[in-house]
Amino acid sequence: MTEPESSARFTMRKNASDPYWTIFDAVTAAPAIVNDVPIIALEEDETEDMASLLNAQQIRAQTDI
């Protein structure tokens, strides 16, 4: 697993109560929400991909301002 950059808004966290992972949003200090669904139970590889996509989307949104 690649360590996230410290400036990344979306990071991965291993769930303590099950074998899954959560995408954590550093701005809201809560699980990331996509289409009103919290991203809380993904396999590790899915979580890595989703965090990368969400961070890329965030960067694009900031540069479009």
C-alpha atoms as a PDB file:
ATOM      1  CA  MET A   1       0.000   0.000   0.000  1.00  0.00           C
ATOM      2  CA  THR A   2       1.294   3.439  -0.906  1.00  0.00           C
ATOM      3  CA  GLU A   3       1.274   6.034   1.851  1.00  0.00           C
ATOM      4  CA  PRO A   4      -0.984   9.016   1.045  1.00  0.00           C
ATOM      5  CA  GLU A   5       0.498  12.454   0.656  1.00  0.00           C
ATOM      6  CA  SER A   6       0.036  14.599   3.751  1.00  0.00           C
ATOM      7  CA  SER A   7      -1.887  17.165   1.679  1.00  0.00           C
ATOM      8  CA  ALA A   8      -4.336  14.572   0.331  1.00  0.00           C
ATOM      9  CA  ARG A   9      -7.925  15.274   1.342  1.00  0.00           C
ATOM     10  CA  PHE A  10      -9.041  11.634   1.088  1.00  0.00           C
ATOM     11  CA  THR A  11      -7.113   8.905   2.883  1.00  0.00           C
ATOM     12  CA  MET A  12      -7.584   5.226   3.664  1.00  0.00           C
ATOM     13  CA  ARG A  13      -8.268   3.821   7.098  1.00  0.00           C
ATOM     14  CA  LYS A  14      -8.618   0.168   8.085  1.00  0.00           C
ATOM     15  CA  ASN A  15     -11.902  -0.523   9.856  1.00  0.00           C
ATOM     16  CA  ALA A  16     -11.331  -1.789  13.399  1.00  0.00           C
ATOM     17  CA  SER A  17     -14.437  -3.977  13.532  1.00  0.00           C
ATOM     18  CA  ASP A  18     -14.223  -5.812  10.188  1.00  0.00           C
ATOM     19  CA  PRO A  19     -11.786  -6.662   7.361  1.00  0.00           C
ATOM     20  CA  TYR A  20     -12.763  -3.638   5.265  1.00  0.00           C
ATOM     21  CA  TRP A  21     -11.463  -0.127   4.689  1.00  0.00           C
ATOM     22  CA  THR A  22     -12.979   3.383   4.815  1.00  0.00           C
ATOM     23  CA  ILE A  23     -12.187   6.493   2.772  1.00  0.00           C
ATOM     24  CA  PHE A  24     -11.694   9.295   5.322  1.00  0.00           C
ATOM     25  CA  ASP A  25     -12.316  12.937   4.376  1.00  0.00           C
ATOM     26  CA  ALA A  26      -9.840  15.239   6.156  1.00  0.00           C
ATOM     27  CA  VAL A  27     -12.093  18.290   5.644  1.00  0.00           C
ATOM     28  CA  THR A  28     -15.186  16.838   7.315  1.00  0.00           C
ATOM     29  CA  ALA A  29     -13.300  14.506   9.708  1.00  0.00           C
ATOM     30  CA  ALA A  30     -15.724  11.745   8.704  1.00  0.00           C
ATOM     31  CA  PRO A  31     -16.046   9.023   6.098  1.00  0.00           C
ATOM     32  CA  ALA A  32     -16.186  10.336   2.530  1.00  0.00           C
ATOM     33  CA  ILE A  33     -19.652  10.543   0.995  1.00  0.00           C
ATOM     34  CA  VAL A  34     -20.319   9.849  -2.700  1.00  0.00           C
ATOM     35  CA  ASN A  35     -23.898  10.263  -3.968  1.00  0.00           C
ATOM     36  CA  ASP A  36     -25.150  10.315  -0.351  1.00  0.00           C
ATOM     37  CA  VAL A  37     -23.423   6.974   0.406  1.00  0.00           C
ATOM     38  CA  PRO A  38     -20.603   6.780   2.969  1.00  0.00           C
ATOM     39  CA  ILE A  39     -17.552   4.945   1.593  1.00  0.00           C
ATOM     40  CA  ILE A  40     -17.030   2.659   4.570  1.00  0.00           C
ATOM     41  CA  ALA A  41     -16.709  -0.990   3.494  1.00  0.00           C
ATOM     42  CA  LEU A  42     -14.330  -1.536   0.595  1.00  0.00           C
ATOM     43  CA  GLU A  43     -11.578  -4.041  -0.066  1.00  0.00           C
ATOM     44  CA  GLU A  44      -8.083  -2.544   0.272  1.00  0.00           C
ATOM     45  CA  ASP A  45      -7.402  -2.348  -3.488  1.00  0.00           C
ATOM     46  CA  GLU A  46     -10.804  -0.733  -4.124  1.00  0.00           C
ATOM     47  CA  THR A  47     -10.110   1.783  -1.367  1.00  0.00           C
ATOM     48  CA  GLU A  48      -6.744   2.728  -2.882  1.00  0.00           C
ATOM     49  CA  ASP A  49      -8.382   3.301  -6.277  1.00  0.00           C
ATOM     50  CA  MET A  50     -11.294   5.289  -4.845  1.00  0.00           C
ATOM     51  CA  ALA A  51      -9.048   7.508  -2.714  1.00  0.00           C
ATOM     52  CA  SER A  52      -6.874   8.243  -5.761  1.00  0.00           C
ATOM     53  CA  LEU A  53      -9.923   9.105  -7.869  1.00  0.00           C
ATOM     54  CA  LEU A  54     -11.455  11.343  -5.200  1.00  0.00           C
ATOM     55  CA  ASN A  55      -8.150  13.165  -4.646  1.00  0.00           C
ATOM     56  CA  ALA A  56      -7.685  13.661  -8.410  1.00  0.00           C
ATOM     57  CA  GLN A  57     -11.237  15.007  -8.661  1.00  0.00           C
ATOM     58  CA  GLN A  58     -10.567  17.381  -5.761  1.00  0.00           C
ATOM     59  CA  ILE A  59      -7.384  18.690  -7.419  1.00  0.00           C
ATOM     60  CA  ARG A  60      -9.215  19.237 -10.720  1.00  0.00           C
ATOM     61  CA  ALA A  61     -12.031  21.084  -8.918  1.00  0.00           C
ATOM     62  CA  GLN A  62      -9.507  23.385  -7.205  1.00  0.00           C
ATOM     63  CA  THR A  63      -7.722  24.211 -10.469  1.00  0.00           C
ATOM     64  CA  ASP A  64     -11.013  24.948 -12.266  1.00  0.00           C
ATOM     65  CA  ILE A  65     -11.868  27.809  -9.897  1.00  0.00           C
END
